């Protein structure tokens, strides 16, 4: 599904229809915390309870994932339509008909899921609800990841005043 359209609200709606307990991290979370930033995928972390992993599997079935994806951390080929493989994956980049969904098991710097969920920010766009990690959790993840783009995000998330595009806080 290379070149699939980027429709994050469609991804969130599918997850919601199946009752998946998830938090948005990554670029969309950065955007939600008032930092203009582009992104071409949706990064999420989920409650790893077996019932929630099954709900994720069912939601993904609605989104036409491929039969296999490669976990770039373990270099293992996994089936995103299989709940056992979903639970095994550390980082699963899953192409779907609504764009790429990156399932991140244990983001560097992240707290335990229930704690992050308590601090999450609830949003709704065009009638689609979703939660993004709180600002402190996002900052901790960006700091721990330490990639160049994360360090740019970190500077923007922690700096008072103008953002990257010149907008004020």
N, C-alpha and C. Protein backbone atom coordinates (compact mmCIF):
# COMPACT_ATOMS: atom_id res chain seq x y z
N UNK A 1 0.81 -1.19 0.00
CA UNK A 1 0.00 0.00 0.00
C UNK A 1 0.85 1.25 0.00
N UNK A 2 1.96 1.18 -0.67
CA UNK A 2 2.80 2.34 -0.80
C UNK A 2 2.01 3.44 -1.47
N UNK A 3 2.13 4.65 -0.93
CA UNK A 3 1.41 5.76 -1.50
C UNK A 3 -0.05 5.82 -1.09
N UNK A 4 -0.46 5.05 -0.07
CA UNK A 4 -1.85 5.10 0.40
C UNK A 4 -2.14 6.49 0.92
N UNK A 5 -3.38 6.94 0.79
CA UNK A 5 -3.73 8.27 1.30
C UNK A 5 -3.50 8.35 2.81
N UNK A 6 -3.31 9.56 3.27
CA UNK A 6 -3.10 9.80 4.69
C UNK A 6 -4.41 10.34 5.26
N UNK A 7 -5.16 9.48 5.96
CA UNK A 7 -6.45 9.85 6.53
C UNK A 7 -6.50 9.42 8.00
N UNK A 8 -5.83 10.16 8.89
CA UNK A 8 -5.77 9.73 10.29
C UNK A 8 -7.14 9.61 10.95
N UNK A 9 -8.08 10.46 10.58
CA UNK A 9 -9.40 10.36 11.22
C UNK A 9 -10.08 9.04 10.87
N UNK A 10 -9.84 8.53 9.67
CA UNK A 10 -10.39 7.24 9.30
C UNK A 10 -9.76 6.12 10.17
N UNK A 11 -8.46 6.24 10.42
CA UNK A 11 -7.79 5.27 11.29
C UNK A 11 -8.39 5.32 12.70
N UNK A 12 -8.52 6.54 13.25
CA UNK A 12 -9.06 6.69 14.60
C UNK A 12 -10.50 6.17 14.67
N UNK A 13 -11.29 6.45 13.65
CA UNK A 13 -12.68 5.99 13.64
C UNK A 13 -12.75 4.47 13.67
N UNK A 14 -11.89 3.80 12.91
CA UNK A 14 -11.88 2.33 12.92
C UNK A 14 -11.48 1.81 14.29
N UNK A 15 -10.47 2.41 14.89
CA UNK A 15 -10.06 2.00 16.24
C UNK A 15 -11.21 2.21 17.23
N UNK A 16 -11.89 3.34 17.13
CA UNK A 16 -13.00 3.63 18.03
C UNK A 16 -14.16 2.65 17.85
N UNK A 17 -14.49 2.34 16.59
CA UNK A 17 -15.60 1.41 16.33
C UNK A 17 -15.39 0.08 17.03
N UNK A 18 -14.14 -0.32 17.16
CA UNK A 18 -13.83 -1.61 17.78
C UNK A 18 -13.45 -1.49 19.25
N UNK A 19 -13.53 -0.28 19.79
CA UNK A 19 -13.26 -0.08 21.22
C UNK A 19 -11.81 -0.23 21.62
N UNK A 20 -10.88 0.06 20.71
CA UNK A 20 -9.45 -0.05 21.02
C UNK A 20 -9.06 1.09 21.97
N UNK A 21 -8.38 0.74 23.04
CA UNK A 21 -7.85 1.71 23.99
C UNK A 21 -6.46 2.09 23.49
N UNK A 22 -6.32 3.31 22.95
CA UNK A 22 -5.07 3.75 22.35
C UNK A 22 -4.79 5.21 22.67
N UNK A 23 -3.52 5.57 22.56
CA UNK A 23 -3.09 6.95 22.69
C UNK A 23 -2.25 7.30 21.47
N UNK A 24 -2.44 8.49 20.96
CA UNK A 24 -1.67 8.96 19.82
C UNK A 24 -0.37 9.56 20.35
N UNK A 25 0.74 9.18 19.72
CA UNK A 25 2.04 9.74 20.04
C UNK A 25 2.62 10.26 18.72
N UNK A 26 3.86 10.67 18.69
CA UNK A 26 4.49 11.07 17.44
C UNK A 26 4.01 12.41 16.92
N UNK A 27 4.09 12.56 15.60
CA UNK A 27 3.83 13.84 14.95
C UNK A 27 2.46 14.42 15.22
N UNK A 28 1.42 13.60 15.23
CA UNK A 28 0.08 14.13 15.49
C UNK A 28 -0.01 14.64 16.93
N UNK A 29 0.63 13.97 17.86
CA UNK A 29 0.65 14.46 19.25
C UNK A 29 1.40 15.79 19.33
N UNK A 30 2.48 15.92 18.58
CA UNK A 30 3.21 17.19 18.55
C UNK A 30 2.28 18.29 18.03
N UNK A 31 1.56 18.01 16.95
CA UNK A 31 0.61 18.98 16.40
C UNK A 31 -0.46 19.35 17.43
N UNK A 32 -0.94 18.35 18.16
CA UNK A 32 -2.00 18.59 19.15
C UNK A 32 -1.53 19.49 20.28
N UNK A 33 -0.22 19.51 20.51
CA UNK A 33 0.33 20.38 21.54
C UNK A 33 0.86 21.68 20.95
N UNK A 34 0.21 22.12 19.86
CA UNK A 34 0.38 23.45 19.27
C UNK A 34 1.71 23.68 18.57
N UNK A 35 2.32 22.63 18.08
CA UNK A 35 3.54 22.79 17.29
C UNK A 35 3.23 22.36 15.86
N UNK A 36 3.24 23.30 14.93
CA UNK A 36 3.02 22.92 13.54
C UNK A 36 4.11 21.96 13.08
N UNK A 37 3.69 20.85 12.53
CA UNK A 37 4.65 19.83 12.10
C UNK A 37 3.96 18.92 11.10
N UNK A 38 4.68 18.50 10.10
CA UNK A 38 4.10 17.57 9.14
C UNK A 38 4.39 16.14 9.57
N UNK A 39 3.52 15.26 9.15
CA UNK A 39 3.70 13.84 9.40
C UNK A 39 2.90 13.07 8.36
N UNK A 40 3.36 11.88 8.04
CA UNK A 40 2.69 11.07 7.04
C UNK A 40 2.22 9.74 7.59
N UNK A 41 2.28 9.60 8.92
CA UNK A 41 1.80 8.36 9.53
C UNK A 41 1.13 8.69 10.85
N UNK A 42 0.52 7.68 11.42
CA UNK A 42 -0.13 7.80 12.72
C UNK A 42 0.60 6.85 13.66
N UNK A 43 1.16 7.41 14.73
CA UNK A 43 1.87 6.60 15.72
C UNK A 43 0.98 6.44 16.94
N UNK A 44 0.79 5.20 17.38
CA UNK A 44 -0.02 4.96 18.56
C UNK A 44 0.67 3.98 19.50
N UNK A 45 0.27 4.06 20.74
CA UNK A 45 0.61 3.07 21.74
C UNK A 45 -0.75 2.59 22.28
N UNK A 46 -0.84 1.30 22.61
CA UNK A 46 -2.12 0.76 23.07
C UNK A 46 -1.97 0.13 24.44
N UNK A 47 -3.09 -0.03 25.09
CA UNK A 47 -3.16 -0.88 26.28
C UNK A 47 -2.90 -2.29 25.75
N UNK A 48 -1.91 -2.97 26.31
CA UNK A 48 -1.48 -4.27 25.78
C UNK A 48 -2.27 -5.45 26.34
N UNK A 49 -3.38 -5.19 27.02
CA UNK A 49 -4.22 -6.29 27.52
C UNK A 49 -4.68 -7.14 26.35
N UNK A 50 -4.73 -8.46 26.51
CA UNK A 50 -5.11 -9.34 25.40
C UNK A 50 -6.43 -8.95 24.72
N UNK A 51 -7.44 -8.57 25.49
CA UNK A 51 -8.72 -8.20 24.87
C UNK A 51 -8.56 -6.96 23.99
N UNK A 52 -7.73 -6.02 24.40
CA UNK A 52 -7.52 -4.82 23.60
C UNK A 52 -6.72 -5.13 22.33
N UNK A 53 -5.77 -6.03 22.43
CA UNK A 53 -5.01 -6.45 21.24
C UNK A 53 -5.96 -7.12 20.24
N UNK A 54 -6.91 -7.92 20.73
CA UNK A 54 -7.91 -8.53 19.83
C UNK A 54 -8.76 -7.45 19.16
N UNK A 55 -9.14 -6.43 19.92
CA UNK A 55 -9.93 -5.34 19.33
C UNK A 55 -9.11 -4.61 18.25
N UNK A 56 -7.81 -4.44 18.51
CA UNK A 56 -6.94 -3.82 17.51
C UNK A 56 -6.90 -4.68 16.25
N UNK A 57 -6.75 -5.98 16.42
CA UNK A 57 -6.75 -6.90 15.27
C UNK A 57 -8.02 -6.72 14.45
N UNK A 58 -9.16 -6.65 15.13
CA UNK A 58 -10.44 -6.50 14.44
C UNK A 58 -10.54 -5.15 13.72
N UNK A 59 -10.02 -4.10 14.35
CA UNK A 59 -10.03 -2.78 13.72
C UNK A 59 -9.15 -2.78 12.48
N UNK A 60 -8.00 -3.40 12.58
CA UNK A 60 -7.10 -3.45 11.43
C UNK A 60 -7.72 -4.22 10.27
N UNK A 61 -8.52 -5.22 10.56
CA UNK A 61 -9.18 -5.98 9.50
C UNK A 61 -10.05 -5.07 8.64
N UNK A 62 -10.61 -4.02 9.24
CA UNK A 62 -11.42 -3.05 8.50
C UNK A 62 -10.57 -2.15 7.60
N UNK A 63 -9.27 -2.13 7.84
CA UNK A 63 -8.38 -1.18 7.16
C UNK A 63 -7.48 -1.84 6.11
N UNK A 64 -7.72 -3.10 5.82
CA UNK A 64 -7.00 -3.82 4.76
C UNK A 64 -5.48 -3.81 4.91
N UNK A 65 -4.96 -4.31 6.04
CA UNK A 65 -3.51 -4.35 6.19
C UNK A 65 -2.92 -5.46 5.32
N UNK A 66 -1.62 -5.41 5.07
CA UNK A 66 -0.98 -6.50 4.32
C UNK A 66 -0.88 -7.75 5.19
N UNK A 67 -0.49 -8.84 4.57
CA UNK A 67 -0.35 -10.10 5.31
C UNK A 67 0.84 -10.09 6.25
N UNK A 68 1.88 -9.35 5.91
CA UNK A 68 3.05 -9.30 6.78
C UNK A 68 3.65 -7.90 6.77
N UNK A 69 4.29 -7.57 7.89
CA UNK A 69 5.10 -6.37 8.01
C UNK A 69 6.37 -6.78 8.76
N UNK A 70 7.40 -5.99 8.61
CA UNK A 70 8.66 -6.29 9.30
C UNK A 70 8.82 -5.31 10.46
N UNK A 71 9.03 -5.86 11.64
CA UNK A 71 9.34 -5.06 12.82
C UNK A 71 10.79 -4.61 12.67
N UNK A 72 11.04 -3.30 12.48
CA UNK A 72 12.41 -2.86 12.25
C UNK A 72 13.32 -2.98 13.48
N UNK A 73 12.74 -3.18 14.64
CA UNK A 73 13.57 -3.35 15.84
C UNK A 73 14.05 -4.78 16.01
N UNK A 74 13.19 -5.74 15.70
CA UNK A 74 13.57 -7.15 15.86
C UNK A 74 13.91 -7.81 14.52
N UNK A 75 13.58 -7.14 13.41
CA UNK A 75 13.79 -7.67 12.05
C UNK A 75 12.99 -8.95 11.82
N UNK A 76 11.89 -9.10 12.52
CA UNK A 76 11.03 -10.26 12.39
C UNK A 76 9.81 -9.88 11.55
N UNK A 77 9.42 -10.77 10.67
CA UNK A 77 8.22 -10.58 9.86
C UNK A 77 7.02 -11.04 10.67
N UNK A 78 6.01 -10.15 10.79
CA UNK A 78 4.83 -10.45 11.59
C UNK A 78 3.57 -10.17 10.80
N UNK A 79 2.49 -10.82 11.19
CA UNK A 79 1.19 -10.67 10.53
C UNK A 79 0.34 -9.70 11.36
N UNK A 80 0.05 -8.50 10.85
CA UNK A 80 -0.74 -7.53 11.61
C UNK A 80 -2.21 -7.91 11.74
N UNK A 81 -2.60 -9.03 11.13
CA UNK A 81 -3.98 -9.52 11.26
C UNK A 81 -4.08 -10.58 12.34
N UNK A 82 -2.95 -10.86 13.00
CA UNK A 82 -2.88 -11.92 14.01
C UNK A 82 -2.61 -11.29 15.37
N UNK A 83 -3.46 -11.57 16.35
CA UNK A 83 -3.30 -10.93 17.66
C UNK A 83 -2.01 -11.31 18.36
N UNK A 84 -1.53 -12.52 18.17
CA UNK A 84 -0.27 -12.94 18.80
C UNK A 84 0.88 -12.13 18.21
N UNK A 85 0.90 -11.99 16.88
CA UNK A 85 1.95 -11.19 16.25
C UNK A 85 1.84 -9.72 16.64
N UNK A 86 0.62 -9.20 16.74
CA UNK A 86 0.46 -7.81 17.17
C UNK A 86 1.05 -7.60 18.57
N UNK A 87 0.83 -8.57 19.44
CA UNK A 87 1.34 -8.47 20.81
C UNK A 87 2.87 -8.62 20.84
N UNK A 88 3.42 -9.38 19.90
CA UNK A 88 4.88 -9.61 19.85
C UNK A 88 5.65 -8.42 19.30
N UNK A 89 5.01 -7.65 18.44
CA UNK A 89 5.70 -6.57 17.75
C UNK A 89 6.15 -5.47 18.70
N UNK A 90 7.33 -4.94 18.44
CA UNK A 90 7.86 -3.82 19.23
C UNK A 90 7.57 -2.51 18.53
N UNK A 91 7.71 -2.53 17.20
CA UNK A 91 7.39 -1.38 16.36
C UNK A 91 6.87 -1.93 15.04
N UNK A 92 5.58 -1.78 14.82
CA UNK A 92 4.99 -2.33 13.60
C UNK A 92 4.49 -1.20 12.71
N UNK A 93 5.18 -0.98 11.59
CA UNK A 93 4.68 -0.02 10.60
C UNK A 93 3.67 -0.74 9.71
N UNK A 94 2.41 -0.43 9.87
CA UNK A 94 1.35 -1.18 9.21
C UNK A 94 0.68 -0.30 8.14
N UNK A 95 0.93 -0.59 6.86
CA UNK A 95 0.23 0.14 5.81
C UNK A 95 -1.24 -0.25 5.81
N UNK A 96 -2.11 0.74 5.65
CA UNK A 96 -3.55 0.48 5.56
C UNK A 96 -4.12 1.32 4.43
N UNK A 97 -5.37 1.11 4.13
CA UNK A 97 -6.00 1.90 3.06
C UNK A 97 -6.18 3.36 3.47
N UNK A 98 -6.01 3.68 4.78
CA UNK A 98 -6.13 5.06 5.27
C UNK A 98 -4.77 5.66 5.62
N UNK A 99 -3.69 5.00 5.23
CA UNK A 99 -2.35 5.48 5.54
C UNK A 99 -1.66 4.55 6.51
N UNK A 100 -0.42 4.90 6.83
CA UNK A 100 0.38 4.01 7.68
C UNK A 100 0.08 4.26 9.16
N UNK A 101 -0.10 3.15 9.86
CA UNK A 101 -0.30 3.15 11.30
C UNK A 101 0.93 2.49 11.92
N UNK A 102 1.64 3.24 12.76
CA UNK A 102 2.79 2.68 13.46
C UNK A 102 2.38 2.32 14.87
N UNK A 103 2.42 1.04 15.17
CA UNK A 103 2.09 0.53 16.50
C UNK A 103 3.39 0.41 17.28
N UNK A 104 3.52 1.20 18.34
CA UNK A 104 4.74 1.25 19.13
C UNK A 104 4.45 0.61 20.48
N UNK A 105 5.19 -0.45 20.81
CA UNK A 105 4.92 -1.19 22.04
C UNK A 105 5.40 -0.45 23.28
N UNK A 106 6.64 -0.07 23.31
CA UNK A 106 7.23 0.58 24.48
C UNK A 106 8.05 1.78 24.04
N UNK A 107 7.41 2.92 23.81
CA UNK A 107 8.18 4.08 23.34
C UNK A 107 9.26 4.45 24.35
N UNK A 108 10.46 4.74 23.89
CA UNK A 108 11.51 5.17 24.82
C UNK A 108 11.02 6.38 25.62
N UNK A 109 11.28 6.36 26.91
CA UNK A 109 10.91 7.47 27.77
C UNK A 109 9.47 7.46 28.25
N UNK A 110 8.67 6.51 27.74
CA UNK A 110 7.25 6.49 28.09
C UNK A 110 7.02 5.87 29.46
N UNK A 111 6.01 6.36 30.12
CA UNK A 111 5.57 5.81 31.39
C UNK A 111 4.69 4.59 31.09
N UNK A 112 4.19 3.93 32.12
CA UNK A 112 3.26 2.81 31.92
C UNK A 112 1.98 3.35 31.28
N UNK A 113 1.39 2.53 30.44
CA UNK A 113 0.20 2.96 29.70
C UNK A 113 -0.89 3.56 30.59
N UNK A 114 -1.29 2.90 31.69
CA UNK A 114 -2.37 3.48 32.49
C UNK A 114 -2.05 4.88 33.02
N UNK A 115 -0.80 5.10 33.36
CA UNK A 115 -0.39 6.42 33.85
C UNK A 115 -0.46 7.45 32.73
N UNK A 116 0.02 7.08 31.54
CA UNK A 116 -0.07 8.01 30.41
C UNK A 116 -1.53 8.27 30.05
N UNK A 117 -2.36 7.25 30.12
CA UNK A 117 -3.78 7.42 29.78
C UNK A 117 -4.46 8.41 30.72
N UNK A 118 -4.08 8.38 31.99
CA UNK A 118 -4.65 9.33 32.96
C UNK A 118 -4.30 10.77 32.59
N UNK A 119 -3.14 10.98 32.01
CA UNK A 119 -2.67 12.33 31.69
C UNK A 119 -2.95 12.73 30.24
N UNK A 120 -3.57 11.85 29.49
CA UNK A 120 -3.81 12.12 28.07
C UNK A 120 -4.80 13.26 27.86
N UNK A 121 -4.73 13.83 26.68
CA UNK A 121 -5.61 14.93 26.29
C UNK A 121 -6.63 14.39 25.29
N UNK A 122 -7.90 14.58 25.60
CA UNK A 122 -8.97 14.12 24.70
C UNK A 122 -9.25 15.20 23.66
N UNK A 123 -9.34 14.76 22.41
CA UNK A 123 -9.63 15.66 21.30
C UNK A 123 -10.76 15.08 20.46
N UNK A 124 -11.39 15.95 19.70
CA UNK A 124 -12.39 15.50 18.73
C UNK A 124 -12.30 16.39 17.51
N UNK A 125 -12.19 15.77 16.36
CA UNK A 125 -12.15 16.49 15.10
C UNK A 125 -13.18 15.85 14.18
N UNK A 126 -14.06 16.66 13.64
CA UNK A 126 -15.10 16.18 12.72
C UNK A 126 -15.86 14.98 13.29
N UNK A 127 -16.12 15.03 14.60
CA UNK A 127 -16.89 13.98 15.25
C UNK A 127 -16.11 12.73 15.60
N UNK A 128 -14.81 12.71 15.35
CA UNK A 128 -13.97 11.55 15.66
C UNK A 128 -13.14 11.88 16.90
N UNK A 129 -13.36 11.12 17.96
CA UNK A 129 -12.64 11.34 19.21
C UNK A 129 -11.36 10.50 19.24
N UNK A 130 -10.34 11.05 19.87
CA UNK A 130 -9.10 10.32 20.11
C UNK A 130 -8.36 11.03 21.24
N UNK A 131 -7.39 10.33 21.81
CA UNK A 131 -6.59 10.91 22.89
C UNK A 131 -5.13 10.94 22.47
N UNK A 132 -4.47 12.03 22.83
CA UNK A 132 -3.02 12.14 22.60
C UNK A 132 -2.34 12.17 23.95
N UNK A 133 -1.09 11.71 23.97
CA UNK A 133 -0.35 11.73 25.23
C UNK A 133 -0.22 13.17 25.71
N UNK A 134 -0.15 13.31 27.03
CA UNK A 134 0.02 14.62 27.62
C UNK A 134 1.38 15.21 27.25
N UNK A 135 1.50 16.52 27.42
CA UNK A 135 2.71 17.23 27.03
C UNK A 135 3.95 16.70 27.75
N UNK A 136 3.88 16.47 29.05
CA UNK A 136 5.05 15.98 29.78
C UNK A 136 5.49 14.61 29.28
N UNK A 137 4.52 13.74 28.99
CA UNK A 137 4.86 12.42 28.46
C UNK A 137 5.48 12.52 27.07
N UNK A 138 4.93 13.39 26.24
CA UNK A 138 5.46 13.57 24.90
C UNK A 138 6.90 14.10 24.96
N UNK A 139 7.13 15.06 25.83
CA UNK A 139 8.48 15.61 25.99
C UNK A 139 9.45 14.51 26.44
N UNK A 140 9.02 13.68 27.38
CA UNK A 140 9.89 12.60 27.87
C UNK A 140 10.22 11.62 26.74
N UNK A 141 9.23 11.30 25.90
CA UNK A 141 9.47 10.39 24.78
C UNK A 141 10.40 11.00 23.75
N UNK A 142 10.20 12.27 23.43
CA UNK A 142 11.05 12.94 22.45
C UNK A 142 12.49 13.02 22.96
N UNK A 143 12.64 13.34 24.24
CA UNK A 143 13.98 13.42 24.83
C UNK A 143 14.67 12.06 24.76
N UNK A 144 13.96 11.00 25.10
CA UNK A 144 14.55 9.65 25.11
C UNK A 144 14.86 9.15 23.71
N UNK A 145 14.02 9.48 22.73
CA UNK A 145 14.26 9.01 21.37
C UNK A 145 15.51 9.65 20.79
N UNK A 146 15.66 10.95 20.96
CA UNK A 146 16.89 11.63 20.61
C UNK A 146 17.27 11.72 19.14
N UNK A 147 16.37 11.33 18.23
CA UNK A 147 16.67 11.48 16.81
C UNK A 147 16.63 12.97 16.45
N UNK A 148 17.26 13.37 15.36
CA UNK A 148 17.24 14.80 15.01
C UNK A 148 15.84 15.41 14.97
N UNK A 149 14.87 14.71 14.36
CA UNK A 149 13.52 15.28 14.30
C UNK A 149 12.89 15.35 15.70
N UNK A 150 13.21 14.41 16.56
CA UNK A 150 12.69 14.45 17.93
C UNK A 150 13.29 15.62 18.70
N UNK A 151 14.57 15.89 18.48
CA UNK A 151 15.21 17.01 19.15
C UNK A 151 14.64 18.35 18.68
N UNK A 152 14.30 18.44 17.39
CA UNK A 152 13.61 19.65 16.89
C UNK A 152 12.24 19.79 17.55
N UNK A 153 11.50 18.68 17.62
CA UNK A 153 10.19 18.71 18.28
C UNK A 153 10.35 19.11 19.74
N UNK A 154 11.33 18.54 20.41
CA UNK A 154 11.58 18.83 21.82
C UNK A 154 11.85 20.32 22.02
N UNK A 155 12.68 20.90 21.18
CA UNK A 155 12.96 22.33 21.29
C UNK A 155 11.69 23.15 21.13
N UNK A 156 10.85 22.77 20.16
CA UNK A 156 9.59 23.50 19.95
C UNK A 156 8.60 23.29 21.09
N UNK A 157 8.54 22.07 21.60
CA UNK A 157 7.59 21.78 22.68
C UNK A 157 7.96 22.46 23.99
N UNK A 158 9.22 22.73 24.19
CA UNK A 158 9.66 23.29 25.47
C UNK A 158 10.00 24.78 25.42
N UNK A 159 10.07 25.35 24.23
CA UNK A 159 10.45 26.75 24.11
C UNK A 159 9.24 27.67 24.17
N UNK A 160 9.33 28.73 24.96
CA UNK A 160 8.27 29.74 24.92
C UNK A 160 8.41 30.57 23.64
N UNK A 161 7.36 31.21 23.25
CA UNK A 161 7.46 32.12 22.12
C UNK A 161 7.13 31.47 20.81
N UNK A 162 7.70 32.00 19.73
CA UNK A 162 7.34 31.55 18.38
C UNK A 162 7.65 30.07 18.15
N UNK A 163 6.78 29.47 17.38
CA UNK A 163 6.96 28.08 16.95
C UNK A 163 7.70 28.07 15.63
N UNK A 164 7.94 26.87 15.07
CA UNK A 164 8.69 26.76 13.82
C UNK A 164 8.16 27.62 12.69
N UNK A 165 6.85 27.75 12.60
CA UNK A 165 6.31 28.51 11.47
C UNK A 165 6.13 29.99 11.79
N UNK A 166 6.61 30.41 12.96
CA UNK A 166 6.53 31.82 13.34
C UNK A 166 5.29 32.16 14.15
N UNK A 167 4.39 31.20 14.39
CA UNK A 167 3.22 31.48 15.20
C UNK A 167 3.59 31.55 16.66
N UNK A 168 2.89 32.39 17.39
CA UNK A 168 3.12 32.49 18.85
C UNK A 168 2.35 31.40 19.55
N UNK A 169 2.72 31.17 20.84
CA UNK A 169 2.02 30.17 21.66
C UNK A 169 0.55 30.43 21.74
